[in-house]
Amino acid sequence: MVPLTVDAYLHALPADAQPAAAAVRAAIWAAVPDATETIKYAMPAFQIGGVTFLHFAVWKKHIGLYPIYPAPAELEAQVAPLRAAKDTVQLMLNQPMPTALIAQLAAQQAQSKRG
């Protein structure tokens, strides 16, 4: 069953993944406090003006951020080791969540949707 809210999504996660997912959510909110959140494609999604700028999903060993488009060179250098595919970033659950980087990515993605 697909969760209807982000809170329900987080609550349904294994207990050991919940803190990391909560840290990702908090970092996104800190960077883009005027965003709204919803569930799209069965995962948490953040929107600006009804336009989705970022999704995240918790998997067995990582959290995926989608889509993460190419960033300015300095930020992209930090993101490059985490890229799993062209527009995907993977954050390993057995590593500390890079919340400052997540916030930077969220802000950049939101800005791209604001125009």
N, C-alpha and C. Protein backbone atom coordinates (compact mmCIF):
# COMPACT_ATOMS: atom_id res chain seq x y z
N MET A 1 0.84 -1.18 0.00
CA MET A 1 0.00 0.00 0.00
C MET A 1 0.89 1.25 0.00
N VAL A 2 0.57 2.18 -0.86
CA VAL A 2 1.33 3.43 -0.97
C VAL A 2 0.93 4.37 0.16
N PRO A 3 1.90 4.89 0.91
CA PRO A 3 1.55 5.84 1.97
C PRO A 3 0.96 7.11 1.37
N LEU A 4 0.04 7.74 2.10
CA LEU A 4 -0.62 8.94 1.60
C LEU A 4 0.08 10.22 2.02
N THR A 5 0.94 10.14 3.03
CA THR A 5 1.65 11.32 3.51
C THR A 5 3.12 10.98 3.73
N VAL A 6 3.94 12.01 3.82
CA VAL A 6 5.35 11.78 4.09
C VAL A 6 5.52 11.22 5.49
N ASP A 7 4.73 11.69 6.44
CA ASP A 7 4.80 11.12 7.79
C ASP A 7 4.52 9.62 7.76
N ALA A 8 3.52 9.21 7.01
CA ALA A 8 3.20 7.77 6.91
C ALA A 8 4.33 7.01 6.23
N TYR A 9 4.94 7.61 5.22
CA TYR A 9 6.08 6.98 4.54
C TYR A 9 7.21 6.74 5.54
N LEU A 10 7.56 7.78 6.30
CA LEU A 10 8.65 7.64 7.27
C LEU A 10 8.32 6.63 8.36
N HIS A 11 7.09 6.64 8.82
CA HIS A 11 6.67 5.72 9.89
C HIS A 11 6.74 4.27 9.42
N ALA A 12 6.53 4.03 8.13
CA ALA A 12 6.53 2.66 7.61
C ALA A 12 7.94 2.11 7.36
N LEU A 13 8.95 2.96 7.46
CA LEU A 13 10.33 2.52 7.22
C LEU A 13 10.83 1.66 8.38
N PRO A 14 11.83 0.82 8.10
CA PRO A 14 12.48 0.10 9.20
C PRO A 14 13.04 1.12 10.21
N ALA A 15 13.01 0.78 11.47
CA ALA A 15 13.43 1.70 12.53
C ALA A 15 14.84 2.23 12.33
N ASP A 16 15.73 1.41 11.80
CA ASP A 16 17.11 1.87 11.64
C ASP A 16 17.28 2.86 10.49
N ALA A 17 16.33 2.94 9.57
CA ALA A 17 16.39 3.89 8.45
C ALA A 17 15.67 5.20 8.75
N GLN A 18 14.81 5.20 9.74
CA GLN A 18 14.00 6.39 10.02
C GLN A 18 14.82 7.63 10.36
N PRO A 19 15.88 7.55 11.19
CA PRO A 19 16.64 8.77 11.49
C PRO A 19 17.30 9.38 10.25
N ALA A 20 17.84 8.57 9.38
CA ALA A 20 18.47 9.09 8.17
C ALA A 20 17.44 9.75 7.27
N ALA A 21 16.29 9.12 7.11
CA ALA A 21 15.23 9.70 6.28
C ALA A 21 14.73 11.01 6.88
N ALA A 22 14.60 11.05 8.19
CA ALA A 22 14.18 12.28 8.85
C ALA A 22 15.21 13.39 8.68
N ALA A 23 16.49 13.02 8.67
CA ALA A 23 17.55 14.01 8.46
C ALA A 23 17.50 14.57 7.04
N VAL A 24 17.22 13.73 6.06
CA VAL A 24 17.08 14.20 4.68
C VAL A 24 15.91 15.16 4.59
N ARG A 25 14.78 14.77 5.13
CA ARG A 25 13.59 15.62 5.11
C ARG A 25 13.87 16.96 5.78
N ALA A 26 14.50 16.94 6.93
CA ALA A 26 14.79 18.18 7.66
C ALA A 26 15.74 19.08 6.88
N ALA A 27 16.73 18.49 6.22
CA ALA A 27 17.68 19.28 5.44
C ALA A 27 16.97 19.97 4.27
N ILE A 28 16.05 19.27 3.64
CA ILE A 28 15.30 19.86 2.53
C ILE A 28 14.44 21.01 3.04
N TRP A 29 13.73 20.78 4.14
CA TRP A 29 12.88 21.82 4.73
C TRP A 29 13.71 23.03 5.15
N ALA A 30 14.89 22.80 5.71
CA ALA A 30 15.74 23.91 6.15
C ALA A 30 16.17 24.77 4.96
N ALA A 31 16.43 24.13 3.84
CA ALA A 31 16.90 24.84 2.66
C ALA A 31 15.78 25.53 1.89
N VAL A 32 14.60 24.93 1.93
CA VAL A 32 13.47 25.44 1.14
C VAL A 32 12.22 25.45 2.02
N PRO A 33 12.17 26.38 3.00
CA PRO A 33 11.07 26.36 3.96
C PRO A 33 9.69 26.66 3.37
N ASP A 34 9.65 27.23 2.16
CA ASP A 34 8.36 27.51 1.54
C ASP A 34 7.87 26.37 0.65
N ALA A 35 8.60 25.26 0.64
CA ALA A 35 8.19 24.10 -0.15
C ALA A 35 6.97 23.44 0.50
N THR A 36 6.27 22.69 -0.31
CA THR A 36 5.21 21.82 0.19
C THR A 36 5.67 20.39 -0.08
N GLU A 37 5.14 19.46 0.69
CA GLU A 37 5.52 18.06 0.48
C GLU A 37 4.29 17.23 0.20
N THR A 38 4.52 16.18 -0.57
CA THR A 38 3.45 15.27 -0.95
C THR A 38 4.09 13.91 -1.26
N ILE A 39 3.29 12.98 -1.67
CA ILE A 39 3.78 11.69 -2.15
C ILE A 39 3.54 11.65 -3.65
N LYS A 40 4.61 11.41 -4.39
CA LYS A 40 4.54 11.23 -5.85
C LYS A 40 5.37 9.99 -6.18
N TYR A 41 4.84 9.15 -7.06
CA TYR A 41 5.54 7.92 -7.44
C TYR A 41 5.90 7.09 -6.20
N ALA A 42 5.04 7.12 -5.20
CA ALA A 42 5.18 6.34 -3.96
C ALA A 42 6.38 6.76 -3.12
N MET A 43 6.85 8.00 -3.28
CA MET A 43 7.96 8.49 -2.47
C MET A 43 7.73 9.96 -2.11
N PRO A 44 8.37 10.43 -1.05
CA PRO A 44 8.23 11.83 -0.68
C PRO A 44 8.71 12.74 -1.82
N ALA A 45 7.94 13.79 -2.04
CA ALA A 45 8.27 14.76 -3.08
C ALA A 45 8.08 16.16 -2.50
N PHE A 46 8.93 17.06 -2.92
CA PHE A 46 8.87 18.46 -2.48
C PHE A 46 8.57 19.33 -3.69
N GLN A 47 7.69 20.31 -3.47
CA GLN A 47 7.22 21.14 -4.57
C GLN A 47 7.33 22.62 -4.24
N ILE A 48 7.46 23.40 -5.30
CA ILE A 48 7.38 24.86 -5.25
C ILE A 48 6.29 25.24 -6.24
N GLY A 49 5.28 25.92 -5.77
CA GLY A 49 4.20 26.34 -6.67
C GLY A 49 3.56 25.19 -7.41
N GLY A 50 3.46 24.03 -6.78
CA GLY A 50 2.85 22.86 -7.40
C GLY A 50 3.75 22.10 -8.35
N VAL A 51 5.01 22.54 -8.50
CA VAL A 51 5.97 21.87 -9.38
C VAL A 51 7.00 21.13 -8.53
N THR A 52 7.13 19.84 -8.76
CA THR A 52 8.05 19.03 -7.98
C THR A 52 9.49 19.36 -8.35
N PHE A 53 10.32 19.59 -7.31
CA PHE A 53 11.73 19.84 -7.55
C PHE A 53 12.63 18.76 -6.99
N LEU A 54 12.11 17.88 -6.12
CA LEU A 54 12.97 16.86 -5.53
C LEU A 54 12.12 15.74 -4.95
N HIS A 55 12.57 14.50 -5.15
CA HIS A 55 12.00 13.30 -4.53
C HIS A 55 13.11 12.64 -3.71
N PHE A 56 12.71 11.87 -2.71
CA PHE A 56 13.69 10.96 -2.09
C PHE A 56 12.99 9.65 -1.78
N ALA A 57 13.78 8.60 -1.77
CA ALA A 57 13.25 7.27 -1.46
C ALA A 57 14.29 6.51 -0.66
N VAL A 58 13.80 5.76 0.30
CA VAL A 58 14.68 4.94 1.14
C VAL A 58 14.67 3.52 0.60
N TRP A 59 15.86 3.02 0.34
CA TRP A 59 16.04 1.67 -0.14
C TRP A 59 16.76 0.86 0.94
N LYS A 60 17.11 -0.36 0.63
CA LYS A 60 17.70 -1.25 1.63
C LYS A 60 19.01 -0.71 2.20
N LYS A 61 19.87 -0.14 1.34
CA LYS A 61 21.19 0.31 1.79
C LYS A 61 21.45 1.79 1.58
N HIS A 62 20.52 2.49 0.92
CA HIS A 62 20.77 3.89 0.62
C HIS A 62 19.47 4.70 0.54
N ILE A 63 19.65 6.01 0.51
CA ILE A 63 18.55 6.92 0.21
C ILE A 63 18.89 7.55 -1.14
N GLY A 64 17.92 7.50 -2.04
CA GLY A 64 18.11 8.10 -3.35
C GLY A 64 17.45 9.47 -3.40
N LEU A 65 18.14 10.42 -4.01
CA LEU A 65 17.59 11.75 -4.29
C LEU A 65 17.40 11.85 -5.80
N TYR A 66 16.23 12.33 -6.20
CA TYR A 66 15.88 12.35 -7.63
C TYR A 66 15.11 13.63 -7.96
N PRO A 67 15.15 14.18 -9.10
CA PRO A 67 16.30 14.18 -9.97
C PRO A 67 17.29 15.22 -9.47
N ILE A 68 18.54 14.93 -9.54
CA ILE A 68 19.59 15.88 -9.19
C ILE A 68 20.32 16.21 -10.49
N TYR A 69 19.92 17.31 -11.07
CA TYR A 69 20.50 17.74 -12.34
C TYR A 69 21.91 18.28 -12.10
N PRO A 70 22.71 18.37 -13.14
CA PRO A 70 24.07 18.90 -12.96
C PRO A 70 24.05 20.25 -12.24
N ALA A 71 24.95 20.37 -11.30
CA ALA A 71 25.04 21.56 -10.46
C ALA A 71 26.21 22.42 -10.91
N PRO A 72 26.30 23.64 -10.39
CA PRO A 72 27.50 24.44 -10.66
C PRO A 72 28.75 23.63 -10.28
N ALA A 73 29.86 23.90 -10.92
CA ALA A 73 31.07 23.08 -10.83
C ALA A 73 31.49 22.77 -9.40
N GLU A 74 31.51 23.75 -8.53
CA GLU A 74 31.97 23.52 -7.15
C GLU A 74 31.05 22.53 -6.42
N LEU A 75 29.75 22.70 -6.58
CA LEU A 75 28.79 21.79 -5.95
C LEU A 75 28.84 20.42 -6.63
N GLU A 76 28.96 20.41 -7.93
CA GLU A 76 29.01 19.14 -8.66
C GLU A 76 30.21 18.30 -8.24
N ALA A 77 31.32 18.94 -7.90
CA ALA A 77 32.49 18.20 -7.43
C ALA A 77 32.19 17.44 -6.15
N GLN A 78 31.34 18.00 -5.29
CA GLN A 78 30.95 17.32 -4.06
C GLN A 78 29.94 16.20 -4.34
N VAL A 79 29.11 16.41 -5.34
CA VAL A 79 28.05 15.46 -5.66
C VAL A 79 28.56 14.27 -6.48
N ALA A 80 29.55 14.51 -7.31
CA ALA A 80 30.02 13.49 -8.26
C ALA A 80 30.26 12.12 -7.63
N PRO A 81 30.92 12.02 -6.47
CA PRO A 81 31.15 10.68 -5.91
C PRO A 81 29.86 9.97 -5.46
N LEU A 82 28.78 10.71 -5.34
CA LEU A 82 27.52 10.14 -4.87
C LEU A 82 26.56 9.81 -6.01
N ARG A 83 26.92 10.19 -7.21
CA ARG A 83 26.03 9.95 -8.36
C ARG A 83 25.99 8.46 -8.68
N ALA A 84 24.77 7.96 -8.81
CA ALA A 84 24.58 6.55 -9.19
C ALA A 84 24.12 6.46 -10.63
N ALA A 85 23.57 7.52 -11.14
CA ALA A 85 23.09 7.60 -12.52
C ALA A 85 23.08 9.08 -12.88
N LYS A 86 22.72 9.38 -14.09
CA LYS A 86 22.78 10.75 -14.59
C LYS A 86 22.13 11.76 -13.64
N ASP A 87 20.93 11.49 -13.19
CA ASP A 87 20.20 12.44 -12.35
C ASP A 87 19.88 11.89 -10.97
N THR A 88 20.66 10.93 -10.50
CA THR A 88 20.41 10.27 -9.22
C THR A 88 21.62 10.39 -8.30
N VAL A 89 21.33 10.68 -7.04
CA VAL A 89 22.35 10.69 -6.00
C VAL A 89 21.98 9.64 -4.97
N GLN A 90 22.96 8.84 -4.55
CA GLN A 90 22.73 7.82 -3.53
C GLN A 90 23.51 8.17 -2.27
N LEU A 91 22.79 8.18 -1.15
CA LEU A 91 23.37 8.46 0.16
C LEU A 91 23.30 7.16 0.96
N MET A 92 24.43 6.61 1.29
CA MET A 92 24.47 5.31 1.95
C MET A 92 23.95 5.41 3.39
N LEU A 93 23.11 4.47 3.77
CA LEU A 93 22.52 4.48 5.11
C LEU A 93 23.55 4.19 6.21
N ASN A 94 24.66 3.55 5.85
CA ASN A 94 25.67 3.25 6.87
C ASN A 94 26.70 4.38 7.02
N GLN A 95 26.42 5.51 6.41
CA GLN A 95 27.28 6.70 6.50
C GLN A 95 26.46 7.85 7.09
N PRO A 96 27.13 8.82 7.71
CA PRO A 96 26.38 10.00 8.18
C PRO A 96 25.73 10.71 6.99
N MET A 97 24.52 11.19 7.18
CA MET A 97 23.84 11.92 6.12
C MET A 97 24.52 13.27 5.92
N PRO A 98 24.90 13.59 4.71
CA PRO A 98 25.54 14.89 4.43
C PRO A 98 24.49 15.99 4.33
N THR A 99 23.95 16.37 5.48
CA THR A 99 22.80 17.28 5.48
C THR A 99 23.09 18.64 4.86
N ALA A 100 24.29 19.16 5.03
CA ALA A 100 24.62 20.44 4.40
C ALA A 100 24.59 20.31 2.88
N LEU A 101 25.11 19.21 2.35
CA LEU A 101 25.08 18.97 0.91
C LEU A 101 23.65 18.78 0.43
N ILE A 102 22.86 18.03 1.17
CA ILE A 102 21.45 17.82 0.81
C ILE A 102 20.74 19.17 0.74
N ALA A 103 20.99 20.03 1.71
CA ALA A 103 20.36 21.36 1.72
C ALA A 103 20.78 22.17 0.50
N GLN A 104 22.06 22.12 0.16
CA GLN A 104 22.54 22.85 -1.02
C GLN A 104 21.86 22.34 -2.29
N LEU A 105 21.76 21.02 -2.41
CA LEU A 105 21.12 20.43 -3.58
C LEU A 105 19.64 20.81 -3.64
N ALA A 106 18.98 20.75 -2.51
CA ALA A 106 17.56 21.11 -2.48
C ALA A 106 17.36 22.56 -2.90
N ALA A 107 18.18 23.45 -2.37
CA ALA A 107 18.07 24.87 -2.73
C ALA A 107 18.32 25.08 -4.22
N GLN A 108 19.32 24.40 -4.75
CA GLN A 108 19.62 24.54 -6.18
C GLN A 108 18.49 24.00 -7.03
N GLN A 109 17.95 22.83 -6.66
CA GLN A 109 16.85 22.23 -7.43
C GLN A 109 15.61 23.12 -7.38
N ALA A 110 15.30 23.66 -6.19
CA ALA A 110 14.14 24.54 -6.05
C ALA A 110 14.32 25.80 -6.89
N GLN A 111 15.51 26.35 -6.85
CA GLN A 111 15.78 27.58 -7.62
C GLN A 111 15.57 27.32 -9.12
N SER A 112 15.94 26.15 -9.58
CA SER A 112 15.76 25.85 -11.01
C SER A 112 14.29 25.81 -11.40
N LYS A 113 13.41 25.51 -10.45
CA LYS A 113 11.96 25.47 -10.73
C LYS A 113 11.30 26.83 -10.53
N ARG A 114 11.95 27.71 -9.79
CA ARG A 114 11.41 29.06 -9.59
C ARG A 114 11.64 29.93 -10.80
N GLY A 115 12.64 29.57 -11.60
CA GLY A 115 12.91 30.36 -12.80
C GLY A 115 13.93 31.34 -12.62
